[in-house]
Amino acid sequence: MKRFLFFVLFLCLAVPVIASSAEIKFGLLPRLPEKELIAMFTPLAKYLEKETGNKVTLVIPKDFDTYTKQAIAGDFDIGFTNPNIYIMIKKSTPGIEPLAMASEPGTGTKLKGVFIALDDSPIKSIKDLKGKKISFVDQGSAAGYIAQMLELQKIGIKKSDITISFAGKPPKVGEAVRDGKADAGGMPESVFKRLPFEYMLKVIGTTTALPNWPMHTTKKTNKDIASKVKDAILKLKPRTTAADKALNKANLEGFVPTSDKDFDVMREAATAAGVF
């Protein structure tokens, strides 16, 4: 009898420990090569492990479409994605919520895209892009396709007026323009500024500002985990020592509170660009 009571007591004590150490799968939109993303976000994953008491595993799908499908299916617990992919996931699974919005050095919570061309190209502005070959990141890229299409629409250039190709990742857009495979390109401003061959290119136009990337839940996110992650990332206030340590490699300066309504401007842009 004593052995039985000891066994029951052991189970009661062990279950909370097991529950508290549940794995948190952290999905990242694959805008850069997997190896690079792992290096960028491992410090944040380690920070979240310390703050939540849960093991954090980075999940990096092969492309934007796969990320979207996995987020909708709930294959990871939290995700970090661009605002367009977020609104697509939210449209399919209304129960998900943004936990916080990222802030970047120089641009804060605003996300901008740029149009680029070779430095010696005769193309001077986006008005010169009619009839040209343009490389973009991906159909789901907020600042590497949608924001640019909205700007082109504003000046009367239709989708049928240009030849579009998708490079898959922002640096590849720069390479396509550099190597003459495209007359111009569209990519996030923050990534353009980090290209090692930036000096070979020029900015011929910028886009309207959109909300920056959110960290979000999925339909299978445990409420307790969502609460712990939200509390942890909101401790990483922009330009603080703690934020620098966890986020510097990811080129982020912190996280700020947000809500779904902050992404209505993204919905407007995606609708105008014909992708929502």
C-alpha atoms as a PDB file:
ATOM      1  CA  MET A   1       0.000   0.000   0.000  1.00  0.00           C
ATOM      2  CA  LYS A   2       2.824   2.368   0.887  1.00  0.00           C
ATOM      3  CA  ARG A   3       4.466   1.657  -2.457  1.00  0.00           C
ATOM      4  CA  PHE A   4       1.209   2.426  -4.270  1.00  0.00           C
ATOM      5  CA  LEU A   5       0.756   5.738  -2.430  1.00  0.00           C
ATOM      6  CA  PHE A   6       4.386   6.645  -3.187  1.00  0.00           C
ATOM      7  CA  PHE A   7       3.810   5.880  -6.876  1.00  0.00           C
ATOM      8  CA  VAL A   8       0.664   8.072  -6.990  1.00  0.00           C
ATOM      9  CA  LEU A   9       2.525  10.906  -5.249  1.00  0.00           C
ATOM     10  CA  PHE A  10       5.361  10.587  -7.748  1.00  0.00           C
ATOM     11  CA  LEU A  11       2.954  10.893 -10.686  1.00  0.00           C
ATOM     12  CA  CYS A  12       1.294  13.967  -9.197  1.00  0.00           C
ATOM     13  CA  LEU A  13       4.639  15.662  -8.803  1.00  0.00           C
ATOM     14  CA  ALA A  14       5.996  14.549 -12.167  1.00  0.00           C
ATOM     15  CA  VAL A  15       3.077  15.597 -14.388  1.00  0.00           C
ATOM     16  CA  PRO A  16       3.453  19.372 -13.792  1.00  0.00           C
ATOM     17  CA  VAL A  17       7.174  19.099 -14.516  1.00  0.00           C
ATOM     18  CA  ILE A  18       6.539  17.275 -17.766  1.00  0.00           C
ATOM     19  CA  ALA A  19       3.862  19.795 -18.777  1.00  0.00           C
ATOM     20  CA  SER A  20       6.096  22.758 -17.992  1.00  0.00           C
ATOM     21  CA  SER A  21       8.883  21.410 -20.174  1.00  0.00           C
ATOM     22  CA  ALA A  22       6.717  20.886 -23.261  1.00  0.00           C
ATOM     23  CA  GLU A  23       8.442  21.814 -26.505  1.00  0.00           C
ATOM     24  CA  ILE A  24       7.589  25.099 -28.212  1.00  0.00           C
ATOM     25  CA  LYS A  25       7.915  24.859 -31.979  1.00  0.00           C
ATOM     26  CA  PHE A  26       8.848  28.284 -33.361  1.00  0.00           C
ATOM     27  CA  GLY A  27       8.125  28.694 -37.093  1.00  0.00           C
ATOM     28  CA  LEU A  28      10.109  31.190 -39.180  1.00  0.00           C
ATOM     29  CA  LEU A  29       9.150  32.440 -42.619  1.00  0.00           C
ATOM     30  CA  PRO A  30      12.033  31.306 -44.883  1.00  0.00           C
ATOM     31  CA  ARG A  31      12.964  34.697 -46.372  1.00  0.00           C
ATOM     32  CA  LEU A  32      16.674  33.791 -46.081  1.00  0.00           C
ATOM     33  CA  PRO A  33      18.664  30.530 -46.277  1.00  0.00           C
ATOM     34  CA  GLU A  34      17.968  28.118 -43.414  1.00  0.00           C
ATOM     35  CA  LYS A  35      21.529  28.234 -42.046  1.00  0.00           C
ATOM     36  CA  GLU A  36      21.394  32.029 -41.872  1.00  0.00           C
ATOM     37  CA  LEU A  37      17.996  32.065 -40.146  1.00  0.00           C
ATOM     38  CA  ILE A  38      19.172  29.563 -37.538  1.00  0.00           C
ATOM     39  CA  ALA A  39      22.160  31.782 -36.716  1.00  0.00           C
ATOM     40  CA  MET A  40      19.925  34.865 -36.553  1.00  0.00           C
ATOM     41  CA  PHE A  41      17.188  33.443 -34.327  1.00  0.00           C
ATOM     42  CA  THR A  42      18.992  30.986 -32.040  1.00  0.00           C
ATOM     43  CA  PRO A  43      19.677  33.744 -29.459  1.00  0.00           C
ATOM     44  CA  LEU A  44      15.949  34.565 -29.346  1.00  0.00           C
ATOM     45  CA  ALA A  45      15.088  30.865 -29.035  1.00  0.00           C
ATOM     46  CA  LYS A  46      17.524  30.546 -26.102  1.00  0.00           C
ATOM     47  CA  TYR A  47      16.000  33.635 -24.483  1.00  0.00           C
ATOM     48  CA  LEU A  48      12.492  32.180 -24.810  1.00  0.00           C
ATOM     49  CA  GLU A  49      13.658  28.894 -23.313  1.00  0.00           C
ATOM     50  CA  LYS A  50      15.005  30.732 -20.279  1.00  0.00           C
ATOM     51  CA  GLU A  51      11.883  32.872 -19.862  1.00  0.00           C
ATOM     52  CA  THR A  52       9.259  30.169 -20.435  1.00  0.00           C
ATOM     53  CA  GLY A  53      11.013  27.094 -19.059  1.00  0.00           C
ATOM     54  CA  ASN A  54      10.159  25.242 -22.272  1.00  0.00           C
ATOM     55  CA  LYS A  55      12.459  23.866 -24.926  1.00  0.00           C
ATOM     56  CA  VAL A  56      12.200  25.989 -28.110  1.00  0.00           C
ATOM     57  CA  THR A  57      12.820  24.406 -31.501  1.00  0.00           C
ATOM     58  CA  LEU A  58      13.120  26.477 -34.663  1.00  0.00           C
ATOM     59  CA  VAL A  59      11.007  25.264 -37.595  1.00  0.00           C
ATOM     60  CA  ILE A  60      11.962  26.597 -41.030  1.00  0.00           C
ATOM     61  CA  PRO A  61       9.664  25.497 -43.885  1.00  0.00           C
ATOM     62  CA  LYS A  62      11.070  25.252 -47.404  1.00  0.00           C
ATOM     63  CA  ASP A  63       9.161  28.238 -48.825  1.00  0.00           C
ATOM     64  CA  PHE A  64       6.492  30.869 -48.150  1.00  0.00           C
ATOM     65  CA  ASP A  65       3.630  28.632 -49.293  1.00  0.00           C
ATOM     66  CA  THR A  66       4.730  25.767 -47.058  1.00  0.00           C
ATOM     67  CA  TYR A  67       5.023  28.123 -44.081  1.00  0.00           C
ATOM     68  CA  THR A  68       1.458  29.311 -44.682  1.00  0.00           C
ATOM     69  CA  LYS A  69       0.104  25.771 -44.924  1.00  0.00           C
ATOM     70  CA  GLN A  70       1.972  24.626 -41.819  1.00  0.00           C
ATOM     71  CA  ALA A  71       0.799  27.636 -39.812  1.00  0.00           C
ATOM     72  CA  ILE A  72      -2.809  27.010 -40.836  1.00  0.00           C
ATOM     73  CA  ALA A  73      -2.435  23.324 -39.917  1.00  0.00           C
ATOM     74  CA  GLY A  74      -0.891  24.232 -36.570  1.00  0.00           C
ATOM     75  CA  ASP A  75       2.386  22.417 -37.217  1.00  0.00           C
ATOM     76  CA  PHE A  76       4.170  24.880 -34.937  1.00  0.00           C
ATOM     77  CA  ASP A  77       3.103  26.733 -31.792  1.00  0.00           C
ATOM     78  CA  ILE A  78       4.197  30.262 -32.611  1.00  0.00           C
ATOM     79  CA  GLY A  79       5.296  31.845 -35.858  1.00  0.00           C
ATOM     80  CA  PHE A  80       7.170  34.889 -37.083  1.00  0.00           C
ATOM     81  CA  THR A  81       6.118  36.060 -40.514  1.00  0.00           C
ATOM     82  CA  ASN A  82       5.522  39.047 -42.741  1.00  0.00           C
ATOM     83  CA  PRO A  83       2.212  40.916 -42.356  1.00  0.00           C
ATOM     84  CA  ASN A  84       0.767  39.575 -45.600  1.00  0.00           C
ATOM     85  CA  ILE A  85       1.278  35.929 -44.687  1.00  0.00           C
ATOM     86  CA  TYR A  86      -0.191  36.724 -41.275  1.00  0.00           C
ATOM     87  CA  ILE A  87      -3.436  38.119 -42.720  1.00  0.00           C
ATOM     88  CA  MET A  88      -3.693  35.099 -45.027  1.00  0.00           C
ATOM     89  CA  ILE A  89      -3.359  32.726 -42.075  1.00  0.00           C
ATOM     90  CA  LYS A  90      -5.811  34.811 -40.032  1.00  0.00           C
ATOM     91  CA  LYS A  91      -8.319  34.706 -42.889  1.00  0.00           C
ATOM     92  CA  SER A  92      -8.166  30.909 -42.923  1.00  0.00           C
ATOM     93  CA  THR A  93      -7.975  30.413 -39.146  1.00  0.00           C
ATOM     94  CA  PRO A  94      -9.761  33.354 -37.448  1.00  0.00           C
ATOM     95  CA  GLY A  95      -8.794  32.185 -33.972  1.00  0.00           C
ATOM     96  CA  ILE A  96      -5.099  33.036 -34.295  1.00  0.00           C
ATOM     97  CA  GLU A  97      -3.764  36.290 -32.870  1.00  0.00           C
ATOM     98  CA  PRO A  98      -0.627  38.425 -33.140  1.00  0.00           C
ATOM     99  CA  LEU A  99       1.388  38.340 -29.909  1.00  0.00           C
ATOM    100  CA  ALA A 100       3.620  41.335 -30.664  1.00  0.00           C
ATOM    101  CA  MET A 101       5.040  43.336 -33.572  1.00  0.00           C
ATOM    102  CA  ALA A 102       8.729  43.513 -34.409  1.00  0.00           C
ATOM    103  CA  SER A 103      10.662  46.766 -34.443  1.00  0.00           C
ATOM    104  CA  GLU A 104      13.746  47.131 -36.661  1.00  0.00           C
ATOM    105  CA  PRO A 105      16.702  49.530 -36.434  1.00  0.00           C
ATOM    106  CA  GLY A 106      16.036  52.643 -38.481  1.00  0.00           C
ATOM    107  CA  THR A 107      12.493  51.729 -39.547  1.00  0.00           C
ATOM    108  CA  GLY A 108      10.848  50.733 -36.261  1.00  0.00           C
ATOM    109  CA  THR A 109       7.449  49.094 -36.685  1.00  0.00           C
ATOM    110  CA  LYS A 110       7.070  50.252 -40.281  1.00  0.00           C
ATOM    111  CA  LEU A 111       7.884  47.880 -43.129  1.00  0.00           C
ATOM    112  CA  LYS A 112       8.914  49.360 -46.472  1.00  0.00           C
ATOM    113  CA  GLY A 113       9.851  47.928 -49.822  1.00  0.00           C
ATOM    114  CA  VAL A 114      12.118  49.349 -52.491  1.00  0.00           C
ATOM    115  CA  PHE A 115      12.411  49.160 -56.252  1.00  0.00           C
ATOM    116  CA  ILE A 116      15.992  48.646 -57.412  1.00  0.00           C
ATOM    117  CA  ALA A 117      17.934  48.738 -60.659  1.00  0.00           C
ATOM    118  CA  LEU A 118      21.578  48.635 -61.689  1.00  0.00           C
ATOM    119  CA  ASP A 119      23.431  51.786 -60.707  1.00  0.00           C
ATOM    120  CA  ASP A 120      24.156  52.658 -64.349  1.00  0.00           C
ATOM    121  CA  SER A 121      20.709  51.636 -65.634  1.00  0.00           C
ATOM    122  CA  PRO A 122      18.750  54.163 -67.730  1.00  0.00           C
ATOM    123  CA  ILE A 123      15.743  53.378 -65.508  1.00  0.00           C
ATOM    124  CA  LYS A 124      15.354  56.395 -63.245  1.00  0.00           C
ATOM    125  CA  SER A 125      12.004  55.828 -61.498  1.00  0.00           C
ATOM    126  CA  ILE A 126       9.156  53.351 -61.295  1.00  0.00           C
ATOM    127  CA  LYS A 127       7.434  55.246 -64.102  1.00  0.00           C
ATOM    128  CA  ASP A 128      10.063  53.737 -66.399  1.00  0.00           C
ATOM    129  CA  LEU A 129       9.140  50.144 -65.524  1.00  0.00           C
ATOM    130  CA  LYS A 130       6.377  49.646 -68.077  1.00  0.00           C
ATOM    131  CA  GLY A 131       7.400  46.870 -70.456  1.00  0.00           C
ATOM    132  CA  LYS A 132      10.312  45.804 -68.228  1.00  0.00           C
ATOM    133  CA  LYS A 133      11.306  42.512 -66.590  1.00  0.00           C
ATOM    134  CA  ILE A 134      10.969  42.772 -62.822  1.00  0.00           C
ATOM    135  CA  SER A 135      12.133  40.277 -60.208  1.00  0.00           C
ATOM    136  CA  PHE A 136      10.220  40.038 -56.931  1.00  0.00           C
ATOM    137  CA  VAL A 137      10.645  37.855 -53.861  1.00  0.00           C
ATOM    138  CA  ASP A 138       7.443  35.813 -53.701  1.00  0.00           C
ATOM    139  CA  GLN A 139       3.725  36.317 -54.252  1.00  0.00           C
ATOM    140  CA  GLY A 140       3.331  36.290 -50.475  1.00  0.00           C
ATOM    141  CA  SER A 141       6.050  38.853 -49.805  1.00  0.00           C
ATOM    142  CA  ALA A 142       4.613  42.005 -48.226  1.00  0.00           C
ATOM    143  CA  ALA A 143       7.583  44.276 -48.937  1.00  0.00           C
ATOM    144  CA  GLY A 144       8.955  42.277 -51.828  1.00  0.00           C
ATOM    145  CA  TYR A 145       5.893  42.116 -54.090  1.00  0.00           C
ATOM    146  CA  ILE A 146       2.553  43.341 -52.713  1.00  0.00           C
ATOM    147  CA  ALA A 147       3.714  46.787 -51.614  1.00  0.00           C
ATOM    148  CA  GLN A 148       5.433  47.281 -54.978  1.00  0.00           C
ATOM    149  CA  MET A 149       2.403  46.165 -56.987  1.00  0.00           C
ATOM    150  CA  LEU A 150       0.294  48.674 -55.073  1.00  0.00           C
ATOM    151  CA  GLU A 151       2.701  51.487 -56.030  1.00  0.00           C
ATOM    152  CA  LEU A 152       2.663  50.433 -59.690  1.00  0.00           C
ATOM    153  CA  GLN A 153      -1.127  50.357 -59.632  1.00  0.00           C
ATOM    154  CA  LYS A 154      -1.161  53.917 -58.299  1.00  0.00           C
ATOM    155  CA  ILE A 155       0.721  55.210 -61.356  1.00  0.00           C
ATOM    156  CA  GLY A 156      -1.293  53.187 -63.853  1.00  0.00           C
ATOM    157  CA  ILE A 157       1.086  50.303 -64.535  1.00  0.00           C
ATOM    158  CA  LYS A 158      -0.867  47.049 -64.640  1.00  0.00           C
ATOM    159  CA  LYS A 159       0.377  43.524 -64.043  1.00  0.00           C
ATOM    160  CA  SER A 160       0.061  42.859 -67.756  1.00  0.00           C
ATOM    161  CA  ASP A 161       2.377  45.794 -68.493  1.00  0.00           C
ATOM    162  CA  ILE A 162       5.410  44.093 -66.946  1.00  0.00           C
ATOM    163  CA  THR A 163       7.082  40.671 -66.995  1.00  0.00           C
ATOM    164  CA  ILE A 164       7.211  39.252 -63.489  1.00  0.00           C
ATOM    165  CA  SER A 165       9.536  36.601 -62.056  1.00  0.00           C
ATOM    166  CA  PHE A 166       9.982  35.419 -58.467  1.00  0.00           C
ATOM    167  CA  ALA A 167      13.435  34.824 -57.035  1.00  0.00           C
ATOM    168  CA  GLY A 168      12.276  33.123 -53.833  1.00  0.00           C
ATOM    169  CA  LYS A 169      14.399  35.107 -51.381  1.00  0.00           C
ATOM    170  CA  PRO A 170      15.279  38.845 -51.192  1.00  0.00           C
ATOM    171  CA  PRO A 171      19.036  38.487 -51.849  1.00  0.00           C
ATOM    172  CA  LYS A 172      18.232  36.517 -55.000  1.00  0.00           C
ATOM    173  CA  VAL A 173      16.253  39.508 -56.297  1.00  0.00           C
ATOM    174  CA  GLY A 174      19.358  41.639 -55.937  1.00  0.00           C
ATOM    175  CA  GLU A 175      21.406  38.996 -57.736  1.00  0.00           C
ATOM    176  CA  ALA A 176      18.907  38.837 -60.607  1.00  0.00           C
ATOM    177  CA  VAL A 177      19.193  42.593 -61.145  1.00  0.00           C
ATOM    178  CA  ARG A 178      22.967  42.571 -60.681  1.00  0.00           C
ATOM    179  CA  ASP A 179      23.413  39.748 -63.202  1.00  0.00           C
ATOM    180  CA  GLY A 180      21.115  41.296 -65.808  1.00  0.00           C
ATOM    181  CA  LYS A 181      18.406  38.656 -65.522  1.00  0.00           C
ATOM    182  CA  ALA A 182      15.905  41.378 -64.624  1.00  0.00           C
ATOM    183  CA  ASP A 183      15.704  45.070 -65.476  1.00  0.00           C
ATOM    184  CA  ALA A 184      14.590  45.933 -61.968  1.00  0.00           C
ATOM    185  CA  GLY A 185      13.585  44.296 -58.717  1.00  0.00           C
ATOM    186  CA  GLY A 186      11.407  44.692 -55.658  1.00  0.00           C
ATOM    187  CA  MET A 187      12.527  43.714 -52.166  1.00  0.00           C
ATOM    188  CA  PRO A 188      12.342  44.766 -48.493  1.00  0.00           C
ATOM    189  CA  GLU A 189      14.333  47.912 -47.782  1.00  0.00           C
ATOM    190  CA  SER A 190      15.986  46.393 -44.707  1.00  0.00           C
ATOM    191  CA  VAL A 191      17.399  43.476 -46.707  1.00  0.00           C
ATOM    192  CA  PHE A 192      18.568  45.704 -49.567  1.00  0.00           C
ATOM    193  CA  LYS A 193      20.683  47.739 -47.157  1.00  0.00           C
ATOM    194  CA  ARG A 194      22.510  44.563 -46.098  1.00  0.00           C
ATOM    195  CA  LEU A 195      23.385  43.286 -49.581  1.00  0.00           C
ATOM    196  CA  PRO A 196      27.167  42.978 -49.969  1.00  0.00           C
ATOM    197  CA  PHE A 197      26.854  44.331 -53.528  1.00  0.00           C
ATOM    198  CA  GLU A 198      24.477  47.180 -52.671  1.00  0.00           C
ATOM    199  CA  TYR A 199      26.919  49.660 -54.232  1.00  0.00           C
ATOM    200  CA  MET A 200      26.197  48.141 -57.663  1.00  0.00           C
ATOM    201  CA  LEU A 201      22.495  48.950 -57.368  1.00  0.00           C
ATOM    202  CA  LYS A 202      20.313  51.993 -56.851  1.00  0.00           C
ATOM    203  CA  VAL A 203      16.884  52.619 -55.376  1.00  0.00           C
ATOM    204  CA  ILE A 204      14.447  53.968 -57.966  1.00  0.00           C
ATOM    205  CA  GLY A 205      11.412  54.057 -55.713  1.00  0.00           C
ATOM    206  CA  THR A 206      10.019  53.184 -52.279  1.00  0.00           C
ATOM    207  CA  THR A 207       6.659  51.850 -51.168  1.00  0.00           C
ATOM    208  CA  THR A 208       3.994  52.930 -48.714  1.00  0.00           C
ATOM    209  CA  ALA A 209       4.797  51.812 -45.163  1.00  0.00           C
ATOM    210  CA  LEU A 210       3.109  48.638 -43.930  1.00  0.00           C
ATOM    211  CA  PRO A 211       2.990  47.166 -40.408  1.00  0.00           C
ATOM    212  CA  ASN A 212       6.099  45.187 -39.523  1.00  0.00           C
ATOM    213  CA  TRP A 213       6.313  41.448 -38.892  1.00  0.00           C
ATOM    214  CA  PRO A 214       4.160  39.935 -36.127  1.00  0.00           C
ATOM    215  CA  MET A 215       4.862  36.962 -33.923  1.00  0.00           C
ATOM    216  CA  HIS A 216       1.614  35.007 -33.937  1.00  0.00           C
ATOM    217  CA  THR A 217      -0.182  31.970 -32.561  1.00  0.00           C
ATOM    218  CA  THR A 218      -1.612  29.053 -34.549  1.00  0.00           C
ATOM    219  CA  LYS A 219      -4.812  27.115 -34.023  1.00  0.00           C
ATOM    220  CA  LYS A 220      -2.991  24.553 -31.862  1.00  0.00           C
ATOM    221  CA  THR A 221      -1.176  27.022 -29.610  1.00  0.00           C
ATOM    222  CA  ASN A 222      -1.637  26.253 -25.920  1.00  0.00           C
ATOM    223  CA  LYS A 223      -3.038  29.343 -24.150  1.00  0.00           C
ATOM    224  CA  ASP A 224      -0.489  29.085 -21.359  1.00  0.00           C
ATOM    225  CA  ILE A 225       2.378  28.937 -23.856  1.00  0.00           C
ATOM    226  CA  ALA A 226       0.953  31.878 -25.817  1.00  0.00           C
ATOM    227  CA  SER A 227       0.753  33.922 -22.616  1.00  0.00           C
ATOM    228  CA  LYS A 228       4.299  33.051 -21.545  1.00  0.00           C
ATOM    229  CA  VAL A 229       5.765  33.811 -24.988  1.00  0.00           C
ATOM    230  CA  LYS A 230       3.878  37.096 -25.226  1.00  0.00           C
ATOM    231  CA  ASP A 231       5.083  38.213 -21.796  1.00  0.00           C
ATOM    232  CA  ALA A 232       8.649  37.226 -22.685  1.00  0.00           C
ATOM    233  CA  ILE A 233       8.895  39.027 -26.014  1.00  0.00           C
ATOM    234  CA  LEU A 234       7.227  42.180 -24.724  1.00  0.00           C
ATOM    235  CA  LYS A 235      10.027  42.378 -22.150  1.00  0.00           C
ATOM    236  CA  LEU A 236      12.327  42.921 -25.125  1.00  0.00           C
ATOM    237  CA  LYS A 237      11.574  46.611 -25.444  1.00  0.00           C
ATOM    238  CA  PRO A 238      13.269  48.357 -28.392  1.00  0.00           C
ATOM    239  CA  ARG A 239      16.867  49.479 -27.867  1.00  0.00           C
ATOM    240  CA  THR A 240      17.397  47.845 -24.479  1.00  0.00           C
ATOM    241  CA  THR A 241      20.293  45.639 -23.404  1.00  0.00           C
ATOM    242  CA  ALA A 242      18.103  42.538 -23.127  1.00  0.00           C
ATOM    243  CA  ALA A 243      16.658  43.107 -26.601  1.00  0.00           C
ATOM    244  CA  ASP A 244      20.096  43.670 -28.118  1.00  0.00           C
ATOM    245  CA  LYS A 245      21.373  40.385 -26.691  1.00  0.00           C
ATOM    246  CA  ALA A 246      18.417  38.336 -27.931  1.00  0.00           C
ATOM    247  CA  LEU A 247      17.689  40.133 -31.202  1.00  0.00           C
ATOM    248  CA  ASN A 248      20.811  41.812 -32.553  1.00  0.00           C
ATOM    249  CA  LYS A 249      21.723  38.915 -34.854  1.00  0.00           C
ATOM    250  CA  ALA A 250      18.157  38.879 -36.206  1.00  0.00           C
ATOM    251  CA  ASN A 251      18.461  42.579 -37.118  1.00  0.00           C
ATOM    252  CA  LEU A 252      15.628  43.439 -34.750  1.00  0.00           C
ATOM    253  CA  GLU A 253      15.634  46.002 -31.949  1.00  0.00           C
ATOM    254  CA  GLY A 254      12.644  44.783 -29.942  1.00  0.00           C
ATOM    255  CA  PHE A 255       8.923  43.998 -29.878  1.00  0.00           C
ATOM    256  CA  VAL A 256       5.916  46.212 -29.171  1.00  0.00           C
ATOM    257  CA  PRO A 257       2.255  45.482 -28.322  1.00  0.00           C
ATOM    258  CA  THR A 258      -0.078  45.013 -31.272  1.00  0.00           C
ATOM    259  CA  SER A 259      -3.553  43.787 -32.213  1.00  0.00           C
ATOM    260  CA  ASP A 260      -5.169  42.402 -35.326  1.00  0.00           C
ATOM    261  CA  LYS A 261      -6.625  45.776 -36.336  1.00  0.00           C
ATOM    262  CA  ASP A 262      -3.084  47.095 -36.831  1.00  0.00           C
ATOM    263  CA  PHE A 263      -2.918  44.896 -39.940  1.00  0.00           C
ATOM    264  CA  ASP A 264      -5.995  46.338 -41.661  1.00  0.00           C
ATOM    265  CA  VAL A 265      -3.713  48.530 -43.791  1.00  0.00           C
ATOM    266  CA  MET A 266      -2.009  45.339 -44.984  1.00  0.00           C
ATOM    267  CA  ARG A 267      -5.396  43.928 -45.944  1.00  0.00           C
ATOM    268  CA  GLU A 268      -6.142  47.093 -47.920  1.00  0.00           C
ATOM    269  CA  ALA A 269      -2.828  46.884 -49.764  1.00  0.00           C
ATOM    270  CA  ALA A 270      -3.226  43.173 -50.518  1.00  0.00           C
ATOM    271  CA  THR A 271      -6.758  43.746 -51.800  1.00  0.00           C
ATOM    272  CA  ALA A 272      -5.615  46.597 -54.028  1.00  0.00           C
ATOM    273  CA  ALA A 273      -2.773  44.429 -55.354  1.00  0.00           C
ATOM    274  CA  GLY A 274      -5.267  41.631 -56.089  1.00  0.00           C
ATOM    275  CA  VAL A 275      -3.789  39.022 -53.728  1.00  0.00           C
ATOM    276  CA  PHE A 276      -6.239  39.040 -50.809  1.00  0.00           C
END
